[in-house]
Amino acid sequence: DVQLVESGGGSVQAGGSPTVSCEVSGYIYSSLCVGWFRQTPGKEREGVAAISARSITYYADSVKGRFTISRDNAKNTLHLEMTDLKPEDTAMYYCAADPWGDCSGGHWDPSKFPPRNSYRGQGTQVTVS
């Protein structure tokens, strides 16, 4: 079975710079498009960032310039470094893995990430105050 386990997050002050991480098992990690989406009760799910099997990165406009996504194929891990956090970044952050490793062929759409056939973690809460 494919498993995704998130870590990091927690409560941070506005302007803080936490990192959330995800460990993936049960799949050829290097072949996956992996990324993060977030959700807050009462709001639509929002794709945050993704990185393709070829390490091409994609970001939602709301986080561009503040968040950095990276992957370590040797350790099957994914990281999201967040800086200059704002209260509106408060959400449950989920890791997702899409077997189509090219992240929609370069046409990554944060409103459609992750796709239905993706694998997802249980999430980690980030609260900004």
Protein backbone atom coordinates (compact mmCIF):
# COMPACT_ATOMS: atom_id res chain seq x y z
CA ASP A 1 0.00 0.00 0.00
CA VAL A 2 1.08 3.56 -0.68
CA GLN A 3 1.44 5.58 2.47
CA LEU A 4 2.11 9.27 2.97
CA VAL A 5 2.96 10.54 6.43
CA GLU A 6 3.24 14.25 7.12
CA SER A 7 5.23 15.87 9.90
CA GLY A 8 6.02 19.38 11.06
CA GLY A 9 3.52 22.17 11.27
CA GLY A 10 2.00 23.33 14.52
CA SER A 11 1.28 26.80 15.83
CA VAL A 12 3.47 29.63 14.58
CA GLN A 13 3.42 33.39 14.75
CA ALA A 14 2.77 35.50 11.69
CA GLY A 15 6.00 35.93 9.79
CA GLY A 16 7.28 32.55 10.96
CA SER A 17 9.08 30.00 8.78
CA PRO A 18 8.16 26.40 9.54
CA THR A 19 8.76 23.41 7.31
CA VAL A 20 6.35 20.55 6.81
CA SER A 21 7.59 17.23 5.48
CA CYS A 22 6.11 14.07 4.02
CA GLU A 23 7.52 10.58 3.79
CA VAL A 24 6.20 8.35 1.03
CA SER A 25 6.37 4.57 0.95
CA GLY A 26 4.97 1.80 -1.19
CA TYR A 27 5.66 3.33 -4.60
CA ILE A 28 8.56 4.25 -6.83
CA TYR A 29 8.85 7.69 -5.31
CA SER A 30 11.07 9.17 -7.99
CA SER A 31 8.36 8.58 -10.61
CA LEU A 32 5.68 10.53 -8.78
CA CYS A 33 4.43 14.07 -9.02
CA VAL A 34 4.20 15.04 -5.35
CA GLY A 35 2.85 18.13 -3.71
CA TRP A 36 0.81 19.82 -1.05
CA PHE A 37 -2.72 21.01 -0.80
CA ARG A 38 -4.48 22.67 2.10
CA GLN A 39 -7.97 22.88 3.41
CA THR A 40 -9.80 24.95 5.96
CA PRO A 41 -13.34 24.16 7.14
CA GLY A 42 -15.85 25.94 4.95
CA LYS A 43 -13.35 26.69 2.18
CA GLU A 44 -12.44 24.99 -1.07
CA ARG A 45 -9.41 22.76 -1.16
CA GLU A 46 -6.40 24.66 -2.54
CA GLY A 47 -3.36 23.22 -4.22
CA VAL A 48 -0.29 24.87 -2.71
CA ALA A 49 2.71 23.52 -4.57
CA ALA A 50 3.86 20.51 -6.54
CA ILE A 51 7.07 19.08 -7.90
CA SER A 52 7.28 16.73 -10.83
CA ALA A 53 9.35 13.59 -11.25
CA ARG A 54 11.80 15.78 -13.15
CA SER A 55 11.85 18.27 -10.24
CA ILE A 56 9.94 20.99 -12.05
CA THR A 57 8.15 23.05 -9.42
CA TYR A 58 4.72 24.66 -9.45
CA TYR A 59 3.17 27.09 -6.98
CA ALA A 60 -0.18 28.65 -6.30
CA ASP A 61 -0.10 32.41 -6.73
CA SER A 62 -1.01 32.84 -3.06
CA VAL A 63 2.28 31.28 -1.92
CA LYS A 64 4.64 32.06 -4.77
CA GLY A 65 7.79 33.69 -3.44
CA ARG A 66 7.06 32.59 0.14
CA PHE A 67 6.96 28.79 -0.03
CA THR A 68 9.56 26.43 -1.47
CA ILE A 69 8.86 22.82 -2.34
CA SER A 70 11.63 20.26 -2.63
CA ARG A 71 12.02 16.51 -2.83
CA ASP A 72 14.70 14.04 -1.77
CA ASN A 73 14.39 10.92 -3.91
CA ALA A 74 17.04 9.09 -1.88
CA LYS A 75 14.93 9.41 1.26
CA ASN A 76 11.47 9.33 -0.37
CA THR A 77 10.63 12.62 1.26
CA LEU A 78 8.96 15.86 0.30
CA HIS A 79 9.39 19.19 2.03
CA LEU A 80 7.58 22.49 2.03
CA GLU A 81 9.51 25.39 3.47
CA MET A 82 7.13 28.17 4.38
CA THR A 83 8.25 31.73 5.09
CA ASP A 84 6.47 34.97 5.93
CA LEU A 85 3.44 33.09 7.11
CA LYS A 86 0.14 34.93 7.31
CA PRO A 87 -3.02 34.14 9.27
CA GLU A 88 -4.71 33.18 6.00
CA ASP A 89 -2.16 30.37 5.61
CA THR A 90 -3.81 28.62 8.54
CA ALA A 91 -5.07 25.26 7.30
CA MET A 92 -4.63 21.53 7.37
CA TYR A 93 -1.79 20.75 5.00
CA TYR A 94 -1.92 17.47 3.12
CA CYS A 95 0.73 15.69 1.13
CA ALA A 96 -0.38 14.11 -2.15
CA ALA A 97 1.24 11.87 -4.73
CA ASP A 98 0.08 11.63 -8.33
CA PRO A 99 1.26 8.61 -10.31
CA TRP A 100 1.37 10.78 -13.43
CA GLY A 101 4.80 12.14 -12.68
CA ASP A 102 4.67 15.18 -14.92
CA CYS A 103 2.13 17.06 -12.79
CA SER A 104 -0.42 17.39 -15.61
CA GLY A 105 2.15 17.86 -18.32
CA GLY A 106 3.30 21.25 -17.17
CA HIS A 107 -0.23 22.63 -16.91
CA TRP A 108 -0.49 22.35 -13.17
CA ASP A 109 -3.70 23.87 -11.88
CA PRO A 110 -3.84 24.41 -8.10
CA SER A 111 -7.64 24.28 -8.18
CA LYS A 112 -7.46 20.73 -9.53
CA PHE A 113 -4.68 19.36 -7.36
CA PRO A 114 -4.55 16.64 -6.30
CA PRO A 115 -6.25 14.60 -9.01
CA ARG A 116 -8.75 11.87 -8.13
CA ASN A 117 -6.27 9.06 -8.69
CA SER A 118 -3.78 10.48 -6.23
CA TYR A 119 -2.63 9.15 -2.90
CA ARG A 120 -3.00 11.42 0.13
CA GLY A 121 -1.75 11.70 3.66
CA GLN A 122 -3.69 12.40 6.83
CA GLY A 123 -2.58 16.00 7.05
CA THR A 124 -0.75 18.22 9.48
CA GLN A 125 -2.23 21.38 10.97
CA VAL A 126 -0.54 24.74 10.55
CA THR A 127 -2.01 27.56 12.61
CA VAL A 128 -0.74 31.10 12.18
CA SER A 129 -1.56 33.75 14.76
